[in-house]
Every structure is written in C-alpha cells, then in structure tokens.
Amino acid sequence: MSTLAIHVQLSGFETIEQALARLNPFQGEQLLEALARLIQQSVRERLIAGGPAPDGSAWKPNLEGRRPILHRSGALARSIDYAVSGMQAVVGSGLIYAAIHQFGGTILPKAADRLSFRIGNRQVFARKVTMPARPYIGLSGEDRAELVQAAGAYLRSLFP
C-alpha cells in the first residue's frame, strides 16, 4: 500500500519557534494535534469542493465532466487522517490511488494489453492513461494564516 502525506514544519516565525522551544513535549503535541486537525479539515473541504489546489490553481477537469472532480464516493476525503509524534505532525491518505491524484502519472495495464474502464456510460479500452496532477494536500495562503493564528492563540493562552 502506498501512502501520501504532507509533513508540516513551520519556519520563519521566530517568535512562535522561540515559544515552542519553551513548551514541554506534551504542550507541543497538543498544539501540533490542533494544527493537524485544521490541515485535515482544509484538505477534506478542498476535495469536497472540487479544488482549487493549495496554490490556488484550478484542477484539470476529468473526462466525465463531473464535479467535484476528486469526490465521487467520498472515500478519498474520508481517508485524510493525521498522526502526531513528538514535535512532528503528518497529514495524508493511505489509499492506493491517493498519490496519483496528488502528483499525476501514467497508469499501465499489469496483466492485459489494455486497461478497461468506464467514462459515464461508455466502456473505454486504453493502452495507458495519463492522469494530470490535482494537488489537494498542501497549504494555501489562507491555511498558513489560519495555522499561524491558531498557534499564536494557543501560545498566548500558555504565556499570558
């Protein structure tokens, strides 16, 4: 099984970094847990809404013309999870097809001459399928601002 994850490391926020250095490990994990939940929610919302990518670009439409593009059954959005260990938070999906949606790539048949799949009501056979990248995991400018605001509020509550 492949795993797709984003590792979040905040940098360039010297005041927050100095305050984090003064936290005991339990307090740091509490903060990372809260930040990871915010990222998880943002990624799920992005998938349900049909984009845009974290950088603000639109996803390439799918051949069915269906919207939202990456939210047919909801499995990908439901698979977005996080783990916090020490001073690290990881947000991602363990679904086997998660990475090809994030990064794009080419799908080739393993045991046949052609791939077989449906687009709408039409059966399609192809020697290969090239999937465009549709990045859904990542931090938008709005996400970054929300994380900094949440971290600042948490730290202010610890150091009144």
N, C-alpha and C. Protein backbone atom coordinates (compact mmCIF):
# COMPACT_ATOMS: atom_id res chain seq x y z
N MET A 1 0.85 -1.18 0.00
CA MET A 1 0.00 0.00 0.00
C MET A 1 0.89 1.24 0.00
N SER A 2 0.56 2.20 -0.83
CA SER A 2 1.32 3.45 -0.86
C SER A 2 0.68 4.43 0.11
N THR A 3 1.48 5.35 0.57
CA THR A 3 0.99 6.36 1.49
C THR A 3 1.38 7.73 0.97
N LEU A 4 0.45 8.66 1.04
CA LEU A 4 0.71 10.03 0.65
C LEU A 4 0.56 10.87 1.89
N ALA A 5 1.53 11.69 2.17
CA ALA A 5 1.45 12.50 3.38
C ALA A 5 2.15 13.83 3.14
N ILE A 6 1.73 14.79 3.90
CA ILE A 6 2.41 16.07 3.93
C ILE A 6 3.00 16.23 5.32
N HIS A 7 4.26 16.58 5.37
CA HIS A 7 4.92 16.83 6.64
C HIS A 7 4.93 18.34 6.82
N VAL A 8 4.43 18.80 7.93
CA VAL A 8 4.33 20.23 8.15
C VAL A 8 5.40 20.67 9.12
N GLN A 9 6.18 21.64 8.69
CA GLN A 9 7.18 22.24 9.55
C GLN A 9 7.04 23.74 9.40
N LEU A 10 6.66 24.39 10.47
CA LEU A 10 6.53 25.84 10.43
C LEU A 10 7.91 26.45 10.61
N SER A 11 8.25 27.40 9.76
CA SER A 11 9.51 28.10 9.92
C SER A 11 9.30 29.55 9.51
N GLY A 12 10.23 30.37 9.89
CA GLY A 12 10.12 31.78 9.57
C GLY A 12 9.25 32.55 10.54
N PHE A 13 8.84 31.89 11.58
CA PHE A 13 8.01 32.52 12.60
C PHE A 13 8.80 32.48 13.91
N GLU A 14 9.84 33.30 13.99
CA GLU A 14 10.79 33.21 15.08
C GLU A 14 10.13 33.30 16.45
N THR A 15 9.16 34.17 16.62
CA THR A 15 8.50 34.32 17.92
C THR A 15 7.81 33.02 18.30
N ILE A 16 7.11 32.42 17.35
CA ILE A 16 6.42 31.15 17.62
C ILE A 16 7.45 30.06 17.89
N GLU A 17 8.52 30.02 17.10
CA GLU A 17 9.54 28.99 17.30
C GLU A 17 10.19 29.13 18.68
N GLN A 18 10.45 30.35 19.13
CA GLN A 18 11.02 30.55 20.45
C GLN A 18 10.06 30.08 21.54
N ALA A 19 8.78 30.38 21.38
CA ALA A 19 7.80 29.95 22.36
C ALA A 19 7.67 28.43 22.35
N LEU A 20 7.70 27.81 21.16
CA LEU A 20 7.60 26.36 21.09
C LEU A 20 8.77 25.70 21.81
N ALA A 21 9.95 26.29 21.72
CA ALA A 21 11.13 25.73 22.39
C ALA A 21 10.95 25.71 23.90
N ARG A 22 10.11 26.61 24.42
CA ARG A 22 9.89 26.66 25.88
C ARG A 22 8.78 25.72 26.33
N LEU A 23 8.06 25.11 25.40
CA LEU A 23 6.97 24.21 25.77
C LEU A 23 7.52 22.86 26.19
N ASN A 24 6.81 22.21 27.10
CA ASN A 24 7.17 20.82 27.37
C ASN A 24 6.60 19.98 26.23
N PRO A 25 7.08 18.75 26.05
CA PRO A 25 6.64 17.94 24.91
C PRO A 25 5.12 17.75 24.84
N PHE A 26 4.46 17.60 25.96
CA PHE A 26 3.01 17.41 25.95
C PHE A 26 2.31 18.62 25.36
N GLN A 27 2.73 19.82 25.75
CA GLN A 27 2.09 21.02 25.21
C GLN A 27 2.34 21.15 23.71
N GLY A 28 3.54 20.82 23.27
CA GLY A 28 3.85 20.88 21.85
C GLY A 28 2.99 19.91 21.05
N GLU A 29 2.77 18.71 21.58
CA GLU A 29 1.93 17.74 20.89
C GLU A 29 0.48 18.21 20.83
N GLN A 30 0.02 18.88 21.89
CA GLN A 30 -1.34 19.43 21.86
C GLN A 30 -1.48 20.44 20.74
N LEU A 31 -0.50 21.31 20.60
CA LEU A 31 -0.54 22.32 19.54
C LEU A 31 -0.50 21.65 18.17
N LEU A 32 0.41 20.71 17.98
CA LEU A 32 0.50 20.03 16.69
C LEU A 32 -0.77 19.26 16.37
N GLU A 33 -1.40 18.67 17.37
CA GLU A 33 -2.67 17.96 17.17
C GLU A 33 -3.72 18.93 16.63
N ALA A 34 -3.80 20.10 17.22
CA ALA A 34 -4.78 21.10 16.78
C ALA A 34 -4.46 21.58 15.36
N LEU A 35 -3.20 21.81 15.06
CA LEU A 35 -2.81 22.27 13.72
C LEU A 35 -3.07 21.18 12.68
N ALA A 36 -2.76 19.93 13.03
CA ALA A 36 -3.01 18.82 12.10
C ALA A 36 -4.50 18.67 11.81
N ARG A 37 -5.34 18.87 12.82
CA ARG A 37 -6.80 18.80 12.60
C ARG A 37 -7.25 19.89 11.64
N LEU A 38 -6.68 21.09 11.78
CA LEU A 38 -7.02 22.18 10.86
C LEU A 38 -6.63 21.83 9.43
N ILE A 39 -5.45 21.26 9.25
CA ILE A 39 -4.99 20.88 7.91
C ILE A 39 -5.89 19.77 7.36
N GLN A 40 -6.19 18.77 8.17
CA GLN A 40 -7.07 17.69 7.75
C GLN A 40 -8.40 18.24 7.25
N GLN A 41 -8.99 19.15 8.01
CA GLN A 41 -10.28 19.72 7.64
C GLN A 41 -10.17 20.52 6.33
N SER A 42 -9.10 21.26 6.18
CA SER A 42 -8.90 22.04 4.96
C SER A 42 -8.79 21.14 3.73
N VAL A 43 -8.03 20.05 3.86
CA VAL A 43 -7.85 19.13 2.73
C VAL A 43 -9.19 18.48 2.39
N ARG A 44 -9.93 18.05 3.40
CA ARG A 44 -11.24 17.43 3.15
C ARG A 44 -12.18 18.42 2.45
N GLU A 45 -12.19 19.66 2.91
CA GLU A 45 -13.05 20.68 2.28
C GLU A 45 -12.65 20.91 0.83
N ARG A 46 -11.34 20.91 0.56
CA ARG A 46 -10.84 21.10 -0.81
C ARG A 46 -11.32 19.97 -1.71
N LEU A 47 -11.27 18.74 -1.22
CA LEU A 47 -11.72 17.60 -2.01
C LEU A 47 -13.22 17.66 -2.28
N ILE A 48 -13.99 17.98 -1.28
CA ILE A 48 -15.45 18.03 -1.42
C ILE A 48 -15.86 19.15 -2.37
N ALA A 49 -15.15 20.29 -2.30
CA ALA A 49 -15.49 21.44 -3.14
C ALA A 49 -15.01 21.30 -4.58
N GLY A 50 -14.09 20.39 -4.82
CA GLY A 50 -13.56 20.24 -6.18
C GLY A 50 -12.40 21.17 -6.46
N GLY A 51 -11.66 21.53 -5.43
CA GLY A 51 -10.49 22.39 -5.59
C GLY A 51 -10.74 23.75 -5.00
N PRO A 52 -9.88 24.66 -5.23
CA PRO A 52 -8.68 24.59 -6.07
C PRO A 52 -7.53 23.91 -5.34
N ALA A 53 -6.41 23.76 -6.06
CA ALA A 53 -5.18 23.24 -5.47
C ALA A 53 -4.72 24.22 -4.39
N PRO A 54 -3.86 23.77 -3.48
CA PRO A 54 -3.38 24.67 -2.42
C PRO A 54 -2.75 25.97 -2.95
N ASP A 55 -2.17 25.93 -4.15
CA ASP A 55 -1.57 27.14 -4.71
C ASP A 55 -2.59 28.05 -5.39
N GLY A 56 -3.87 27.63 -5.37
CA GLY A 56 -4.94 28.44 -5.96
C GLY A 56 -5.28 28.09 -7.39
N SER A 57 -4.50 27.22 -8.02
CA SER A 57 -4.77 26.86 -9.41
C SER A 57 -5.94 25.87 -9.48
N ALA A 58 -6.66 25.94 -10.60
CA ALA A 58 -7.79 25.04 -10.80
C ALA A 58 -7.28 23.66 -11.21
N TRP A 59 -8.00 22.63 -10.81
CA TRP A 59 -7.67 21.28 -11.26
C TRP A 59 -8.15 21.09 -12.69
N LYS A 60 -7.40 20.31 -13.44
CA LYS A 60 -7.81 19.97 -14.80
C LYS A 60 -9.11 19.17 -14.71
N PRO A 61 -10.11 19.48 -15.53
CA PRO A 61 -11.38 18.73 -15.48
C PRO A 61 -11.16 17.24 -15.79
N ASN A 62 -12.04 16.41 -15.27
CA ASN A 62 -11.97 14.99 -15.62
C ASN A 62 -12.76 14.75 -16.92
N LEU A 63 -12.57 13.59 -17.51
CA LEU A 63 -13.21 13.32 -18.80
C LEU A 63 -14.72 13.19 -18.71
N GLU A 64 -15.23 12.86 -17.53
CA GLU A 64 -16.68 12.77 -17.35
C GLU A 64 -17.32 14.15 -17.23
N GLY A 65 -16.50 15.15 -16.96
CA GLY A 65 -17.04 16.48 -16.73
C GLY A 65 -17.76 16.59 -15.41
N ARG A 66 -17.48 15.65 -14.53
CA ARG A 66 -18.16 15.57 -13.24
C ARG A 66 -17.47 16.49 -12.23
N ARG A 67 -18.27 17.14 -11.43
CA ARG A 67 -17.78 17.97 -10.32
C ARG A 67 -18.41 17.46 -9.05
N PRO A 68 -17.81 17.49 -7.94
CA PRO A 68 -16.39 17.79 -7.78
C PRO A 68 -15.51 16.65 -8.31
N ILE A 69 -14.38 17.00 -8.80
CA ILE A 69 -13.53 16.10 -9.56
C ILE A 69 -13.05 14.90 -8.74
N LEU A 70 -12.58 15.11 -7.53
CA LEU A 70 -12.00 14.02 -6.72
C LEU A 70 -12.92 13.56 -5.60
N HIS A 71 -14.22 13.76 -5.78
CA HIS A 71 -15.14 13.39 -4.69
C HIS A 71 -16.35 12.65 -5.24
N ARG A 72 -16.12 11.44 -5.73
CA ARG A 72 -17.24 10.64 -6.24
C ARG A 72 -17.89 9.88 -5.08
N SER A 73 -17.14 9.04 -4.40
CA SER A 73 -17.70 8.24 -3.31
C SER A 73 -17.44 8.87 -1.95
N GLY A 74 -16.50 9.79 -1.89
CA GLY A 74 -16.12 10.40 -0.63
C GLY A 74 -15.02 9.65 0.09
N ALA A 75 -14.56 8.53 -0.48
CA ALA A 75 -13.54 7.71 0.18
C ALA A 75 -12.22 8.47 0.36
N LEU A 76 -11.80 9.23 -0.64
CA LEU A 76 -10.54 9.95 -0.53
C LEU A 76 -10.62 10.99 0.58
N ALA A 77 -11.69 11.75 0.62
CA ALA A 77 -11.84 12.77 1.67
C ALA A 77 -11.88 12.11 3.05
N ARG A 78 -12.60 11.00 3.16
CA ARG A 78 -12.68 10.31 4.46
C ARG A 78 -11.34 9.71 4.87
N SER A 79 -10.49 9.41 3.89
CA SER A 79 -9.20 8.78 4.20
C SER A 79 -8.16 9.76 4.73
N ILE A 80 -8.41 11.04 4.61
CA ILE A 80 -7.43 12.02 5.06
C ILE A 80 -7.36 11.96 6.58
N ASP A 81 -6.19 11.65 7.08
CA ASP A 81 -6.01 11.48 8.52
C ASP A 81 -4.69 12.14 8.91
N TYR A 82 -4.41 12.14 10.18
CA TYR A 82 -3.15 12.73 10.64
C TYR A 82 -2.61 11.91 11.80
N ALA A 83 -1.32 12.08 12.03
CA ALA A 83 -0.65 11.45 13.16
C ALA A 83 0.32 12.47 13.74
N VAL A 84 0.38 12.52 15.04
CA VAL A 84 1.31 13.41 15.74
C VAL A 84 2.24 12.54 16.57
N SER A 85 3.52 12.78 16.43
CA SER A 85 4.51 12.04 17.20
C SER A 85 5.63 13.01 17.56
N GLY A 86 5.81 13.21 18.84
CA GLY A 86 6.83 14.17 19.27
C GLY A 86 6.48 15.55 18.77
N MET A 87 7.39 16.16 18.05
CA MET A 87 7.16 17.51 17.52
C MET A 87 6.93 17.48 16.01
N GLN A 88 6.29 16.40 15.53
CA GLN A 88 6.01 16.28 14.10
C GLN A 88 4.57 15.87 13.89
N ALA A 89 3.93 16.49 12.91
CA ALA A 89 2.58 16.12 12.51
C ALA A 89 2.62 15.73 11.04
N VAL A 90 1.94 14.65 10.71
CA VAL A 90 1.86 14.16 9.33
C VAL A 90 0.39 14.06 8.97
N VAL A 91 0.03 14.65 7.82
CA VAL A 91 -1.34 14.60 7.33
C VAL A 91 -1.30 13.95 5.95
N GLY A 92 -2.17 12.97 5.72
CA GLY A 92 -2.16 12.31 4.42
C GLY A 92 -3.23 11.26 4.28
N SER A 93 -3.07 10.43 3.25
CA SER A 93 -4.01 9.35 2.94
C SER A 93 -3.23 8.07 2.69
N GLY A 94 -3.78 6.97 3.13
CA GLY A 94 -3.17 5.67 2.86
C GLY A 94 -3.80 4.96 1.68
N LEU A 95 -4.74 5.59 0.99
CA LEU A 95 -5.39 4.95 -0.16
C LEU A 95 -4.38 4.76 -1.29
N ILE A 96 -4.48 3.64 -1.96
CA ILE A 96 -3.52 3.29 -3.01
C ILE A 96 -3.53 4.29 -4.16
N TYR A 97 -4.67 4.94 -4.41
CA TYR A 97 -4.75 5.87 -5.54
C TYR A 97 -4.56 7.33 -5.12
N ALA A 98 -4.27 7.59 -3.87
CA ALA A 98 -4.12 8.97 -3.40
C ALA A 98 -2.97 9.70 -4.08
N ALA A 99 -1.85 9.04 -4.21
CA ALA A 99 -0.65 9.70 -4.76
C ALA A 99 -0.81 10.09 -6.22
N ILE A 100 -1.45 9.25 -7.03
CA ILE A 100 -1.57 9.59 -8.46
C ILE A 100 -2.45 10.82 -8.65
N HIS A 101 -3.43 11.00 -7.79
CA HIS A 101 -4.24 12.22 -7.89
C HIS A 101 -3.43 13.44 -7.49
N GLN A 102 -2.61 13.32 -6.47
CA GLN A 102 -1.79 14.44 -5.99
C GLN A 102 -0.71 14.82 -7.00
N PHE A 103 0.01 13.83 -7.51
CA PHE A 103 1.19 14.10 -8.32
C PHE A 103 0.99 13.86 -9.82
N GLY A 104 -0.08 13.15 -10.20
CA GLY A 104 -0.26 12.76 -11.59
C GLY A 104 0.62 11.57 -11.91
N GLY A 105 0.45 11.04 -13.11
CA GLY A 105 1.27 9.90 -13.51
C GLY A 105 0.59 9.11 -14.60
N THR A 106 1.25 8.05 -15.01
CA THR A 106 0.74 7.20 -16.07
C THR A 106 0.37 5.84 -15.50
N ILE A 107 -0.81 5.34 -15.87
CA ILE A 107 -1.28 4.03 -15.45
C ILE A 107 -1.15 3.10 -16.64
N LEU A 108 -0.47 1.98 -16.45
CA LEU A 108 -0.28 0.98 -17.49
C LEU A 108 -0.95 -0.32 -17.04
N PRO A 109 -1.42 -1.14 -17.99
CA PRO A 109 -2.03 -2.42 -17.60
C PRO A 109 -0.96 -3.35 -17.04
N LYS A 110 -1.35 -4.16 -16.05
CA LYS A 110 -0.40 -5.11 -15.47
C LYS A 110 -0.50 -6.49 -16.11
N ALA A 111 -1.74 -6.95 -16.34
CA ALA A 111 -1.91 -8.33 -16.79
C ALA A 111 -2.68 -8.43 -18.11
N ALA A 112 -2.80 -7.35 -18.83
CA ALA A 112 -3.54 -7.36 -20.09
C ALA A 112 -2.87 -6.38 -21.06
N ASP A 113 -3.33 -6.39 -22.30
CA ASP A 113 -2.79 -5.45 -23.29
C ASP A 113 -3.34 -4.04 -23.08
N ARG A 114 -4.54 -3.97 -22.52
CA ARG A 114 -5.20 -2.67 -22.38
C ARG A 114 -5.88 -2.55 -21.03
N LEU A 115 -6.03 -1.32 -20.61
CA LEU A 115 -6.85 -1.01 -19.45
C LEU A 115 -8.30 -0.98 -19.89
N SER A 116 -9.20 -1.31 -19.01
CA SER A 116 -10.63 -1.26 -19.31
C SER A 116 -11.32 -0.51 -18.16
N PHE A 117 -12.08 0.52 -18.52
CA PHE A 117 -12.80 1.30 -17.51
C PHE A 117 -13.96 2.00 -18.16
N ARG A 118 -14.80 2.61 -17.35
CA ARG A 118 -15.98 3.31 -17.84
C ARG A 118 -15.81 4.81 -17.64
N ILE A 119 -16.27 5.56 -18.62
CA ILE A 119 -16.42 7.01 -18.50
C ILE A 119 -17.88 7.27 -18.78
N GLY A 120 -18.61 7.59 -17.73
CA GLY A 120 -20.05 7.72 -17.87
C GLY A 120 -20.65 6.36 -18.20
N ASN A 121 -21.39 6.28 -19.28
CA ASN A 121 -22.00 5.01 -19.71
C ASN A 121 -21.18 4.30 -20.78
N ARG A 122 -20.02 4.83 -21.09
CA ARG A 122 -19.21 4.30 -22.19
C ARG A 122 -18.04 3.46 -21.68
N GLN A 123 -17.85 2.27 -22.22
CA GLN A 123 -16.72 1.41 -21.89
C GLN A 123 -15.52 1.88 -22.71
N VAL A 124 -14.38 2.05 -22.06
CA VAL A 124 -13.17 2.55 -22.72
C VAL A 124 -12.05 1.54 -22.54
N PHE A 125 -11.27 1.35 -23.60
CA PHE A 125 -10.07 0.50 -23.56
C PHE A 125 -8.89 1.38 -23.96
N ALA A 126 -7.82 1.32 -23.20
CA ALA A 126 -6.67 2.17 -23.49
C ALA A 126 -5.38 1.44 -23.13
N ARG A 127 -4.32 1.72 -23.90
CA ARG A 127 -3.02 1.13 -23.60
C ARG A 127 -2.40 1.76 -22.35
N LYS A 128 -2.73 3.01 -22.13
CA LYS A 128 -2.26 3.70 -20.92
C LYS A 128 -3.16 4.89 -20.67
N VAL A 129 -3.15 5.34 -19.45
CA VAL A 129 -3.91 6.54 -19.08
C VAL A 129 -2.95 7.46 -18.34
N THR A 130 -2.90 8.70 -18.78
CA THR A 130 -2.08 9.69 -18.09
C THR A 130 -2.99 10.57 -17.25
N MET A 131 -2.78 10.53 -15.96
CA MET A 131 -3.58 11.31 -15.01
C MET A 131 -2.85 12.64 -14.76
N PRO A 132 -3.56 13.75 -14.86
CA PRO A 132 -2.93 15.02 -14.51
C PRO A 132 -2.81 15.15 -12.99
N ALA A 133 -1.84 15.90 -12.55
CA ALA A 133 -1.73 16.17 -11.11
C ALA A 133 -2.89 17.07 -10.69
N ARG A 134 -3.51 16.72 -9.60
CA ARG A 134 -4.55 17.54 -8.99
C ARG A 134 -4.22 17.65 -7.51
N PRO A 135 -3.25 18.50 -7.18
CA PRO A 135 -2.79 18.58 -5.79
C PRO A 135 -3.93 18.99 -4.86
N TYR A 136 -4.13 18.20 -3.84
CA TYR A 136 -5.16 18.50 -2.85
C TYR A 136 -4.57 18.61 -1.45
N ILE A 137 -3.41 18.01 -1.23
CA ILE A 137 -2.74 18.12 0.06
C ILE A 137 -1.68 19.20 -0.06
N GLY A 138 -1.71 20.11 0.85
CA GLY A 138 -0.78 21.22 0.87
C GLY A 138 -1.41 22.38 1.60
N LEU A 139 -0.67 23.43 1.74
CA LEU A 139 -1.15 24.59 2.49
C LEU A 139 -1.34 25.78 1.56
N SER A 140 -2.55 26.30 1.54
CA SER A 140 -2.82 27.53 0.81
C SER A 140 -2.36 28.70 1.68
N GLY A 141 -2.34 29.88 1.11
CA GLY A 141 -2.02 31.07 1.89
C GLY A 141 -3.00 31.25 3.04
N GLU A 142 -4.27 30.97 2.77
CA GLU A 142 -5.29 31.07 3.82
C GLU A 142 -5.04 30.03 4.91
N ASP A 143 -4.65 28.81 4.52
CA ASP A 143 -4.32 27.77 5.50
C ASP A 143 -3.17 28.21 6.40
N ARG A 144 -2.13 28.75 5.78
CA ARG A 144 -0.96 29.20 6.55
C ARG A 144 -1.35 30.27 7.56
N ALA A 145 -2.15 31.23 7.11
CA ALA A 145 -2.58 32.30 8.02
C ALA A 145 -3.39 31.73 9.18
N GLU A 146 -4.27 30.77 8.87
CA GLU A 146 -5.09 30.16 9.93
C GLU A 146 -4.23 29.39 10.92
N LEU A 147 -3.20 28.68 10.42
CA LEU A 147 -2.30 27.94 11.30
C LEU A 147 -1.51 28.88 12.21
N VAL A 148 -1.00 29.95 11.63
CA VAL A 148 -0.24 30.92 12.44
C VAL A 148 -1.15 31.55 13.50
N GLN A 149 -2.37 31.90 13.10
CA GLN A 149 -3.31 32.49 14.05
C GLN A 149 -3.65 31.50 15.17
N ALA A 150 -3.89 30.24 14.82
CA ALA A 150 -4.21 29.23 15.82
C ALA A 150 -3.02 28.99 16.76
N ALA A 151 -1.81 28.90 16.18
CA ALA A 151 -0.62 28.70 17.01
C ALA A 151 -0.40 29.89 17.93
N GLY A 152 -0.57 31.08 17.40
CA GLY A 152 -0.41 32.28 18.23
C GLY A 152 -1.41 32.32 19.37
N ALA A 153 -2.66 31.99 19.08
CA ALA A 153 -3.70 31.98 20.13
C ALA A 153 -3.37 30.94 21.20
N TYR A 154 -2.91 29.78 20.77
CA TYR A 154 -2.56 28.73 21.73
C TYR A 154 -1.39 29.19 22.62
N LEU A 155 -0.37 29.75 22.00
CA LEU A 155 0.80 30.19 22.76
C LEU A 155 0.45 31.35 23.70
N ARG A 156 -0.41 32.25 23.25
CA ARG A 156 -0.83 33.35 24.14
C ARG A 156 -1.57 32.80 25.36
N SER A 157 -2.32 31.71 25.18
CA SER A 157 -3.04 31.13 26.32
C SER A 157 -2.07 30.50 27.32
N LEU A 158 -0.89 30.08 26.86
CA LEU A 158 0.10 29.48 27.76
C LEU A 158 0.99 30.51 28.42
N PHE A 159 1.20 31.62 27.74
CA PHE A 159 2.10 32.66 28.25
C PHE A 159 1.36 33.98 28.32
N PRO A 160 0.44 34.10 29.28
CA PRO A 160 -0.36 35.34 29.34
C PRO A 160 0.47 36.57 29.68
